[in-house]
């Protein structure tokens, strides 16, 4: 896949910060052609599935804030949208 650079950047940052039990970062840019923020080069819309002990005892909004803060440079740059599915182990 050509658009791996941003996927790798996001994955690496999440792994370093949260030591996830499981992590999937999906580039969904192709699903957003013609929508706001889409670019022909892709790497604009991502979906993250992450399970980490770091999220234990935290609500959904706090989990999203933690991830958004970590990825603030990417979100201010080329990443237009980030859908987050963050869970603690055993949730589901």
N, C-alpha and C. Protein backbone atom coordinates (compact mmCIF):
# COMPACT_ATOMS: atom_id res chain seq x y z
N UNK A 1 0.84 -1.19 0.00
CA UNK A 1 0.00 0.00 0.00
C UNK A 1 0.89 1.25 0.00
N UNK A 2 0.55 2.21 -0.83
CA UNK A 2 1.38 3.40 -0.98
C UNK A 2 1.31 4.34 0.23
N UNK A 3 0.17 4.40 0.87
CA UNK A 3 -0.02 5.37 1.95
C UNK A 3 0.29 4.80 3.33
N UNK A 4 1.50 4.31 3.50
CA UNK A 4 1.85 3.71 4.78
C UNK A 4 2.57 4.66 5.71
N UNK A 5 3.12 5.75 5.22
CA UNK A 5 3.94 6.62 6.07
C UNK A 5 3.16 7.15 7.28
N UNK A 6 1.99 7.75 7.07
CA UNK A 6 1.23 8.31 8.18
C UNK A 6 0.66 7.20 9.06
N UNK A 7 0.24 6.10 8.46
CA UNK A 7 -0.24 4.96 9.24
C UNK A 7 0.85 4.49 10.19
N UNK A 8 2.08 4.39 9.69
CA UNK A 8 3.21 3.97 10.52
C UNK A 8 3.51 4.99 11.61
N UNK A 9 3.46 6.26 11.27
CA UNK A 9 3.72 7.32 12.26
C UNK A 9 2.72 7.24 13.40
N UNK A 10 1.44 7.14 13.05
CA UNK A 10 0.38 7.05 14.07
C UNK A 10 0.57 5.78 14.91
N UNK A 11 0.81 4.65 14.26
CA UNK A 11 0.99 3.37 14.97
C UNK A 11 2.17 3.44 15.93
N UNK A 12 3.29 3.97 15.46
CA UNK A 12 4.49 4.04 16.29
C UNK A 12 4.29 4.93 17.51
N UNK A 13 3.65 6.07 17.32
CA UNK A 13 3.40 6.98 18.44
C UNK A 13 2.47 6.34 19.48
N UNK A 14 1.41 5.68 19.00
CA UNK A 14 0.48 5.02 19.92
C UNK A 14 1.15 3.88 20.67
N UNK A 15 1.99 3.10 19.98
CA UNK A 15 2.71 1.99 20.64
C UNK A 15 3.63 2.51 21.73
N UNK A 16 4.38 3.57 21.41
CA UNK A 16 5.32 4.15 22.37
C UNK A 16 4.61 4.69 23.60
N UNK A 17 3.51 5.40 23.39
CA UNK A 17 2.83 6.08 24.50
C UNK A 17 1.97 5.16 25.34
N UNK A 18 1.31 4.19 24.71
CA UNK A 18 0.29 3.41 25.41
C UNK A 18 0.59 1.92 25.55
N UNK A 19 1.68 1.43 24.97
CA UNK A 19 2.03 0.01 25.02
C UNK A 19 0.78 -0.86 24.89
N UNK A 20 0.09 -0.75 23.76
CA UNK A 20 -1.21 -1.44 23.62
C UNK A 20 -1.12 -2.96 23.56
N UNK A 21 -2.17 -3.57 24.07
CA UNK A 21 -2.36 -5.02 23.97
C UNK A 21 -2.70 -5.37 22.52
N UNK A 22 -3.46 -4.49 21.89
CA UNK A 22 -3.74 -4.64 20.46
C UNK A 22 -3.91 -3.24 19.86
N UNK A 23 -3.56 -3.14 18.57
CA UNK A 23 -3.62 -1.86 17.87
C UNK A 23 -3.83 -2.10 16.39
N UNK A 24 -4.78 -1.37 15.83
CA UNK A 24 -5.00 -1.37 14.38
C UNK A 24 -5.24 0.06 13.96
N UNK A 25 -4.47 0.51 12.98
CA UNK A 25 -4.65 1.84 12.40
C UNK A 25 -4.99 1.63 10.93
N UNK A 26 -6.15 2.14 10.52
CA UNK A 26 -6.65 1.92 9.17
C UNK A 26 -6.76 3.25 8.45
N UNK A 27 -6.16 3.34 7.26
CA UNK A 27 -6.29 4.52 6.42
C UNK A 27 -7.59 4.38 5.64
N UNK A 28 -8.57 5.21 5.97
CA UNK A 28 -9.88 5.16 5.30
C UNK A 28 -10.05 6.33 4.33
N UNK A 29 -8.96 6.95 3.94
CA UNK A 29 -9.03 8.14 3.08
C UNK A 29 -9.80 7.87 1.79
N UNK A 30 -9.63 6.69 1.24
CA UNK A 30 -10.30 6.36 -0.02
C UNK A 30 -11.83 6.38 0.11
N UNK A 31 -12.33 6.24 1.31
CA UNK A 31 -13.78 6.26 1.54
C UNK A 31 -14.35 7.68 1.56
N UNK A 32 -13.46 8.67 1.55
CA UNK A 32 -13.88 10.06 1.73
C UNK A 32 -13.62 10.94 0.51
N UNK A 33 -13.45 10.33 -0.64
CA UNK A 33 -13.26 11.11 -1.87
C UNK A 33 -14.43 12.06 -2.05
N UNK A 34 -14.11 13.32 -2.33
CA UNK A 34 -15.15 14.32 -2.53
C UNK A 34 -15.62 14.98 -1.26
N UNK A 35 -15.18 14.50 -0.10
CA UNK A 35 -15.57 15.09 1.19
C UNK A 35 -14.54 16.11 1.64
N UNK A 36 -14.92 16.91 2.61
CA UNK A 36 -14.01 17.92 3.16
C UNK A 36 -12.75 17.25 3.69
N UNK A 37 -11.62 17.87 3.42
CA UNK A 37 -10.36 17.39 3.94
C UNK A 37 -9.69 16.31 3.13
N UNK A 38 -10.38 15.75 2.15
CA UNK A 38 -9.79 14.69 1.34
C UNK A 38 -8.80 15.28 0.34
N UNK A 39 -7.69 14.58 0.16
CA UNK A 39 -6.71 14.94 -0.85
C UNK A 39 -6.43 13.73 -1.72
N UNK A 40 -6.14 13.93 -2.99
CA UNK A 40 -5.85 12.79 -3.87
C UNK A 40 -4.70 11.91 -3.35
N UNK A 41 -3.77 12.51 -2.62
CA UNK A 41 -2.63 11.75 -2.09
C UNK A 41 -3.02 10.84 -0.93
N UNK A 42 -4.24 11.02 -0.39
CA UNK A 42 -4.70 10.19 0.72
C UNK A 42 -4.11 10.64 2.04
N UNK A 43 -4.06 9.70 2.99
CA UNK A 43 -3.51 9.94 4.32
C UNK A 43 -4.20 11.09 5.04
N UNK A 44 -5.53 11.14 4.95
CA UNK A 44 -6.29 12.22 5.58
C UNK A 44 -7.28 11.72 6.62
N UNK A 45 -7.80 10.52 6.45
CA UNK A 45 -8.85 9.98 7.32
C UNK A 45 -8.40 8.62 7.86
N UNK A 46 -8.37 8.51 9.20
CA UNK A 46 -7.90 7.27 9.83
C UNK A 46 -8.87 6.79 10.89
N UNK A 47 -8.85 5.49 11.11
CA UNK A 47 -9.63 4.86 12.18
C UNK A 47 -8.65 4.07 13.03
N UNK A 48 -8.73 4.26 14.35
CA UNK A 48 -7.82 3.61 15.29
C UNK A 48 -8.61 2.70 16.23
N UNK A 49 -8.17 1.46 16.33
CA UNK A 49 -8.69 0.51 17.31
C UNK A 49 -7.53 0.20 18.25
N UNK A 50 -7.67 0.55 19.52
CA UNK A 50 -6.58 0.35 20.47
C UNK A 50 -7.12 -0.17 21.79
N UNK A 51 -6.41 -1.16 22.35
CA UNK A 51 -6.72 -1.70 23.66
C UNK A 51 -5.46 -1.56 24.51
N UNK A 52 -5.57 -0.83 25.61
CA UNK A 52 -4.40 -0.56 26.45
C UNK A 52 -4.79 -0.39 27.92
N UNK A 53 -3.89 -0.83 28.79
CA UNK A 53 -4.07 -0.62 30.23
C UNK A 53 -4.14 0.87 30.57
N UNK A 54 -3.55 1.71 29.72
CA UNK A 54 -3.54 3.16 29.96
C UNK A 54 -4.95 3.74 30.03
N UNK A 55 -5.94 3.01 29.49
CA UNK A 55 -7.31 3.52 29.45
C UNK A 55 -8.18 3.02 30.61
N UNK A 56 -7.62 2.18 31.48
CA UNK A 56 -8.38 1.67 32.63
C UNK A 56 -8.85 2.83 33.50
N UNK A 57 -10.12 2.81 33.85
CA UNK A 57 -10.67 3.82 34.75
C UNK A 57 -10.92 5.17 34.10
N UNK A 58 -10.75 5.27 32.80
CA UNK A 58 -10.95 6.53 32.10
C UNK A 58 -12.18 6.43 31.20
N UNK A 59 -12.92 7.51 31.09
CA UNK A 59 -14.09 7.55 30.22
C UNK A 59 -13.70 7.74 28.77
N UNK A 60 -14.67 7.60 27.90
CA UNK A 60 -14.44 7.69 26.46
C UNK A 60 -13.82 9.03 26.07
N UNK A 61 -14.34 10.12 26.59
CA UNK A 61 -13.84 11.45 26.23
C UNK A 61 -12.38 11.61 26.66
N UNK A 62 -12.07 11.16 27.87
CA UNK A 62 -10.69 11.28 28.36
C UNK A 62 -9.73 10.44 27.49
N UNK A 63 -10.16 9.27 27.09
CA UNK A 63 -9.33 8.41 26.22
C UNK A 63 -9.07 9.10 24.89
N UNK A 64 -10.11 9.69 24.33
CA UNK A 64 -9.96 10.38 23.05
C UNK A 64 -9.03 11.58 23.21
N UNK A 65 -9.16 12.30 24.31
CA UNK A 65 -8.28 13.45 24.54
C UNK A 65 -6.82 13.03 24.64
N UNK A 66 -6.56 11.90 25.29
CA UNK A 66 -5.20 11.39 25.42
C UNK A 66 -4.60 11.11 24.04
N UNK A 67 -5.38 10.48 23.18
CA UNK A 67 -4.90 10.14 21.84
C UNK A 67 -4.77 11.39 20.98
N UNK A 68 -5.77 12.27 21.04
CA UNK A 68 -5.70 13.51 20.26
C UNK A 68 -4.51 14.37 20.67
N UNK A 69 -4.20 14.42 21.96
CA UNK A 69 -3.05 15.20 22.44
C UNK A 69 -1.76 14.61 21.90
N UNK A 70 -1.65 13.29 21.92
CA UNK A 70 -0.46 12.61 21.42
C UNK A 70 -0.26 12.87 19.92
N UNK A 71 -1.36 12.90 19.18
CA UNK A 71 -1.30 13.05 17.72
C UNK A 71 -1.61 14.48 17.27
N UNK A 72 -1.42 15.46 18.16
CA UNK A 72 -1.80 16.84 17.83
C UNK A 72 -1.06 17.37 16.60
N UNK A 73 0.21 17.03 16.43
CA UNK A 73 0.96 17.52 15.27
C UNK A 73 0.37 16.98 13.97
N UNK A 74 0.00 15.70 13.99
CA UNK A 74 -0.59 15.08 12.79
C UNK A 74 -1.97 15.67 12.51
N UNK A 75 -2.74 15.91 13.56
CA UNK A 75 -4.09 16.46 13.39
C UNK A 75 -4.06 17.92 12.93
N UNK A 76 -3.01 18.63 13.26
CA UNK A 76 -2.87 20.01 12.79
C UNK A 76 -2.26 20.04 11.39
N UNK A 77 -1.73 18.91 10.97
CA UNK A 77 -1.10 18.81 9.65
C UNK A 77 -2.02 18.14 8.65
N UNK A 78 -1.57 16.99 8.16
CA UNK A 78 -2.26 16.35 7.04
C UNK A 78 -3.48 15.50 7.44
N UNK A 79 -3.58 15.11 8.71
CA UNK A 79 -4.70 14.25 9.13
C UNK A 79 -5.94 15.11 9.37
N UNK A 80 -6.98 14.85 8.59
CA UNK A 80 -8.22 15.62 8.68
C UNK A 80 -9.19 15.02 9.69
N UNK A 81 -9.23 13.68 9.76
CA UNK A 81 -10.20 13.02 10.64
C UNK A 81 -9.58 11.78 11.27
N UNK A 82 -9.92 11.57 12.55
CA UNK A 82 -9.43 10.42 13.28
C UNK A 82 -10.59 9.83 14.08
N UNK A 83 -11.02 8.64 13.70
CA UNK A 83 -12.06 7.93 14.44
C UNK A 83 -11.37 7.02 15.44
N UNK A 84 -11.74 7.13 16.71
CA UNK A 84 -11.04 6.41 17.77
C UNK A 84 -11.95 5.42 18.46
N UNK A 85 -11.45 4.19 18.59
CA UNK A 85 -12.11 3.14 19.36
C UNK A 85 -11.08 2.70 20.39
N UNK A 86 -11.14 3.27 21.59
CA UNK A 86 -10.15 3.00 22.63
C UNK A 86 -10.80 2.24 23.78
N UNK A 87 -10.18 1.13 24.18
CA UNK A 87 -10.71 0.31 25.25
C UNK A 87 -9.60 -0.12 26.19
N UNK A 88 -9.97 -0.44 27.41
CA UNK A 88 -9.07 -1.10 28.34
C UNK A 88 -9.24 -2.60 28.15
N UNK A 89 -8.23 -3.41 28.49
CA UNK A 89 -8.37 -4.86 28.36
C UNK A 89 -9.61 -5.36 29.10
N UNK A 90 -10.33 -6.29 28.47
CA UNK A 90 -11.52 -6.87 29.09
C UNK A 90 -12.81 -6.14 28.78
N UNK A 91 -12.69 -4.93 28.21
CA UNK A 91 -13.91 -4.21 27.79
C UNK A 91 -14.29 -4.70 26.40
N UNK A 92 -15.56 -4.53 26.08
CA UNK A 92 -15.79 -4.88 24.74
C UNK A 92 -17.10 -5.13 24.23
